[in-house]
């Protein structure tokens, strides 16, 4: 019997799925963190969660950074072909979206297991954008 059984406490690999046409590693964000500035590749951002005038950046290494910028400011600067505003409180990186549920629950499941609600108003646009993104992955 194989003794290499994965426990539920072991983190799953968070792997993005970028289209081949996407230039990885080309954009970074500078974040003030503990009296210094750190740089994070936008490719490593799973999603951004807005909290008033602050935003939490959730990264693929399961870290969370608090930034004193609004989601609207990030929405203007991030690549619209990869990042999508799906709710008033969330922007997601499409490369990390694993599954969508368009029934009553209206949510996307991210690669880290997080489930993010989709705005009712944006439902049609979001489903079209996700379909376009997944088609780009296949080409």
C-alpha atoms as a PDB file:
ATOM      1  CA  UNK A   1       0.000   0.000   0.000  1.00  0.00           C
ATOM      2  CA  UNK A   2       1.304   3.461  -0.945  1.00  0.00           C
ATOM      3  CA  UNK A   3       1.939   5.672   2.078  1.00  0.00           C
ATOM      4  CA  UNK A   4       2.009   8.954   0.116  1.00  0.00           C
ATOM      5  CA  UNK A   5      -1.575   9.972   0.762  1.00  0.00           C
ATOM      6  CA  UNK A   6      -2.254  13.690   0.633  1.00  0.00           C
ATOM      7  CA  UNK A   7      -3.816  15.094   3.763  1.00  0.00           C
ATOM      8  CA  UNK A   8      -6.544  17.715   3.576  1.00  0.00           C
ATOM      9  CA  UNK A   9      -4.262  20.162   5.396  1.00  0.00           C
ATOM     10  CA  UNK A  10      -1.691  20.025   2.622  1.00  0.00           C
ATOM     11  CA  UNK A  11      -2.204  22.991   0.246  1.00  0.00           C
ATOM     12  CA  UNK A  12      -3.127  22.158  -3.309  1.00  0.00           C
ATOM     13  CA  UNK A  13      -0.979  23.535  -6.102  1.00  0.00           C
ATOM     14  CA  UNK A  14      -2.438  26.781  -7.409  1.00  0.00           C
ATOM     15  CA  UNK A  15      -1.672  26.651 -11.118  1.00  0.00           C
ATOM     16  CA  UNK A  16      -2.801  29.342 -13.569  1.00  0.00           C
ATOM     17  CA  UNK A  17      -3.969  28.705 -17.130  1.00  0.00           C
ATOM     18  CA  UNK A  18      -2.827  31.592 -19.311  1.00  0.00           C
ATOM     19  CA  UNK A  19      -3.416  31.744 -23.090  1.00  0.00           C
ATOM     20  CA  UNK A  20      -0.245  31.163 -25.129  1.00  0.00           C
ATOM     21  CA  UNK A  21      -0.527  34.701 -26.527  1.00  0.00           C
ATOM     22  CA  UNK A  22      -0.275  36.233 -23.039  1.00  0.00           C
ATOM     23  CA  UNK A  23       3.141  37.680 -22.135  1.00  0.00           C
ATOM     24  CA  UNK A  24       3.818  36.335 -18.627  1.00  0.00           C
ATOM     25  CA  UNK A  25       5.965  38.229 -16.150  1.00  0.00           C
ATOM     26  CA  UNK A  26       5.632  41.523 -17.990  1.00  0.00           C
ATOM     27  CA  UNK A  27       3.861  43.508 -15.261  1.00  0.00           C
ATOM     28  CA  UNK A  28       4.529  43.932 -11.559  1.00  0.00           C
ATOM     29  CA  UNK A  29       2.820  45.847  -8.784  1.00  0.00           C
ATOM     30  CA  UNK A  30       4.771  47.695  -6.079  1.00  0.00           C
ATOM     31  CA  UNK A  31       3.256  47.280  -2.623  1.00  0.00           C
ATOM     32  CA  UNK A  32       4.302  49.028   0.585  1.00  0.00           C
ATOM     33  CA  UNK A  33       4.796  46.217   3.100  1.00  0.00           C
ATOM     34  CA  UNK A  34       6.410  46.343   6.571  1.00  0.00           C
ATOM     35  CA  UNK A  35       8.390  49.566   6.009  1.00  0.00           C
ATOM     36  CA  UNK A  36       9.653  48.507   2.587  1.00  0.00           C
ATOM     37  CA  UNK A  37       8.337  48.044  -0.930  1.00  0.00           C
ATOM     38  CA  UNK A  38       7.803  44.597  -2.401  1.00  0.00           C
ATOM     39  CA  UNK A  39       7.041  43.785  -6.028  1.00  0.00           C
ATOM     40  CA  UNK A  40       4.448  41.199  -6.985  1.00  0.00           C
ATOM     41  CA  UNK A  41       3.942  39.878 -10.491  1.00  0.00           C
ATOM     42  CA  UNK A  42       0.340  40.408 -11.596  1.00  0.00           C
ATOM     43  CA  UNK A  43       0.459  36.801 -12.866  1.00  0.00           C
ATOM     44  CA  UNK A  44       0.594  35.666  -9.226  1.00  0.00           C
ATOM     45  CA  UNK A  45      -2.571  37.531  -8.184  1.00  0.00           C
ATOM     46  CA  UNK A  46      -5.618  35.240  -7.882  1.00  0.00           C
ATOM     47  CA  UNK A  47      -8.113  37.937  -7.015  1.00  0.00           C
ATOM     48  CA  UNK A  48      -8.539  41.357  -5.483  1.00  0.00           C
ATOM     49  CA  UNK A  49     -11.108  41.926  -2.761  1.00  0.00           C
ATOM     50  CA  UNK A  50     -12.335  45.450  -2.110  1.00  0.00           C
ATOM     51  CA  UNK A  51     -13.037  46.715   1.400  1.00  0.00           C
ATOM     52  CA  UNK A  52     -13.990  50.389   1.112  1.00  0.00           C
ATOM     53  CA  UNK A  53     -10.868  52.421   0.284  1.00  0.00           C
ATOM     54  CA  UNK A  54      -8.659  49.346   0.764  1.00  0.00           C
ATOM     55  CA  UNK A  55      -8.032  46.250  -1.326  1.00  0.00           C
ATOM     56  CA  UNK A  56      -6.802  42.817  -0.338  1.00  0.00           C
ATOM     57  CA  UNK A  57      -4.612  41.141  -2.970  1.00  0.00           C
ATOM     58  CA  UNK A  58      -4.792  37.348  -2.721  1.00  0.00           C
ATOM     59  CA  UNK A  59      -1.789  35.632  -4.317  1.00  0.00           C
ATOM     60  CA  UNK A  60      -1.127  32.119  -5.559  1.00  0.00           C
ATOM     61  CA  UNK A  61       1.207  31.431  -2.626  1.00  0.00           C
ATOM     62  CA  UNK A  62      -1.843  31.958  -0.370  1.00  0.00           C
ATOM     63  CA  UNK A  63      -0.668  35.309   0.981  1.00  0.00           C
ATOM     64  CA  UNK A  64      -2.924  38.303   1.414  1.00  0.00           C
ATOM     65  CA  UNK A  65      -1.704  41.887   1.118  1.00  0.00           C
ATOM     66  CA  UNK A  66      -3.646  44.956   2.212  1.00  0.00           C
ATOM     67  CA  UNK A  67      -3.239  47.992  -0.047  1.00  0.00           C
ATOM     68  CA  UNK A  68      -4.698  51.470   0.448  1.00  0.00           C
ATOM     69  CA  UNK A  69      -6.122  51.645  -3.084  1.00  0.00           C
ATOM     70  CA  UNK A  70      -9.670  51.073  -4.261  1.00  0.00           C
ATOM     71  CA  UNK A  71     -10.731  48.280  -6.610  1.00  0.00           C
ATOM     72  CA  UNK A  72     -11.639  50.956  -9.160  1.00  0.00           C
ATOM     73  CA  UNK A  73      -8.018  52.146  -9.238  1.00  0.00           C
ATOM     74  CA  UNK A  74      -6.777  48.588  -9.790  1.00  0.00           C
ATOM     75  CA  UNK A  75      -9.436  48.007 -12.450  1.00  0.00           C
ATOM     76  CA  UNK A  76      -8.005  50.907 -14.471  1.00  0.00           C
ATOM     77  CA  UNK A  77      -4.418  49.619 -14.376  1.00  0.00           C
ATOM     78  CA  UNK A  78      -4.761  45.822 -14.649  1.00  0.00           C
ATOM     79  CA  UNK A  79      -4.882  44.031 -18.021  1.00  0.00           C
ATOM     80  CA  UNK A  80      -8.575  43.730 -18.939  1.00  0.00           C
ATOM     81  CA  UNK A  81      -7.955  40.593 -20.992  1.00  0.00           C
ATOM     82  CA  UNK A  82      -6.842  38.710 -17.869  1.00  0.00           C
ATOM     83  CA  UNK A  83      -8.581  40.493 -14.976  1.00  0.00           C
ATOM     84  CA  UNK A  84     -12.358  40.791 -14.731  1.00  0.00           C
ATOM     85  CA  UNK A  85     -14.565  42.671 -12.277  1.00  0.00           C
ATOM     86  CA  UNK A  86     -17.227  40.134 -11.366  1.00  0.00           C
ATOM     87  CA  UNK A  87     -18.718  41.860  -8.330  1.00  0.00           C
ATOM     88  CA  UNK A  88     -18.577  45.261  -6.674  1.00  0.00           C
ATOM     89  CA  UNK A  89     -16.117  43.734  -4.197  1.00  0.00           C
ATOM     90  CA  UNK A  90     -14.073  41.426  -6.459  1.00  0.00           C
ATOM     91  CA  UNK A  91     -11.765  41.406  -9.455  1.00  0.00           C
ATOM     92  CA  UNK A  92     -10.565  37.933 -10.465  1.00  0.00           C
ATOM     93  CA  UNK A  93      -7.642  36.737 -12.542  1.00  0.00           C
ATOM     94  CA  UNK A  94      -9.273  34.588 -15.237  1.00  0.00           C
ATOM     95  CA  UNK A  95      -6.229  32.302 -15.348  1.00  0.00           C
ATOM     96  CA  UNK A  96      -7.152  31.033 -11.875  1.00  0.00           C
ATOM     97  CA  UNK A  97     -10.897  30.520 -12.447  1.00  0.00           C
ATOM     98  CA  UNK A  98     -11.543  26.777 -12.358  1.00  0.00           C
ATOM     99  CA  UNK A  99     -15.301  26.598 -12.575  1.00  0.00           C
ATOM    100  CA  UNK A 100     -18.377  28.785 -12.848  1.00  0.00           C
ATOM    101  CA  UNK A 101     -21.852  28.194 -11.493  1.00  0.00           C
ATOM    102  CA  UNK A 102     -24.504  30.274 -13.233  1.00  0.00           C
ATOM    103  CA  UNK A 103     -27.580  28.993 -11.387  1.00  0.00           C
ATOM    104  CA  UNK A 104     -28.999  30.531  -8.218  1.00  0.00           C
ATOM    105  CA  UNK A 105     -25.574  30.547  -6.564  1.00  0.00           C
ATOM    106  CA  UNK A 106     -23.869  32.633  -9.316  1.00  0.00           C
ATOM    107  CA  UNK A 107     -20.241  32.128  -8.372  1.00  0.00           C
ATOM    108  CA  UNK A 108     -16.819  31.226  -9.663  1.00  0.00           C
ATOM    109  CA  UNK A 109     -14.466  28.784  -7.986  1.00  0.00           C
ATOM    110  CA  UNK A 110     -10.867  29.898  -7.906  1.00  0.00           C
ATOM    111  CA  UNK A 111      -7.824  27.609  -8.098  1.00  0.00           C
ATOM    112  CA  UNK A 112      -7.258  27.980  -4.344  1.00  0.00           C
ATOM    113  CA  UNK A 113     -10.790  26.743  -3.581  1.00  0.00           C
ATOM    114  CA  UNK A 114     -12.213  30.191  -2.848  1.00  0.00           C
ATOM    115  CA  UNK A 115     -15.744  30.772  -4.153  1.00  0.00           C
ATOM    116  CA  UNK A 116     -16.515  34.307  -5.304  1.00  0.00           C
ATOM    117  CA  UNK A 117     -20.018  35.630  -5.963  1.00  0.00           C
ATOM    118  CA  UNK A 118     -20.922  37.025  -9.383  1.00  0.00           C
ATOM    119  CA  UNK A 119     -22.976  40.197  -9.580  1.00  0.00           C
ATOM    120  CA  UNK A 120     -26.472  39.693 -10.999  1.00  0.00           C
ATOM    121  CA  UNK A 121     -26.113  42.833 -13.128  1.00  0.00           C
ATOM    122  CA  UNK A 122     -22.843  41.674 -14.691  1.00  0.00           C
ATOM    123  CA  UNK A 123     -23.892  38.053 -15.233  1.00  0.00           C
ATOM    124  CA  UNK A 124     -24.314  38.149 -19.031  1.00  0.00           C
ATOM    125  CA  UNK A 125     -21.084  40.065 -19.663  1.00  0.00           C
ATOM    126  CA  UNK A 126     -19.127  37.849 -17.267  1.00  0.00           C
ATOM    127  CA  UNK A 127     -20.340  34.611 -18.857  1.00  0.00           C
ATOM    128  CA  UNK A 128     -19.376  35.953 -22.317  1.00  0.00           C
ATOM    129  CA  UNK A 129     -15.943  37.096 -21.152  1.00  0.00           C
ATOM    130  CA  UNK A 130     -15.251  33.761 -19.458  1.00  0.00           C
ATOM    131  CA  UNK A 131     -16.306  31.860 -22.599  1.00  0.00           C
ATOM    132  CA  UNK A 132     -14.010  34.061 -24.730  1.00  0.00           C
ATOM    133  CA  UNK A 133     -11.120  33.517 -22.329  1.00  0.00           C
ATOM    134  CA  UNK A 134     -11.538  29.739 -22.337  1.00  0.00           C
ATOM    135  CA  UNK A 135     -11.714  29.749 -26.146  1.00  0.00           C
ATOM    136  CA  UNK A 136      -8.394  31.632 -26.208  1.00  0.00           C
ATOM    137  CA  UNK A 137      -6.930  28.911 -23.992  1.00  0.00           C
ATOM    138  CA  UNK A 138      -7.847  26.267 -26.554  1.00  0.00           C
ATOM    139  CA  UNK A 139      -6.317  28.184 -29.462  1.00  0.00           C
END
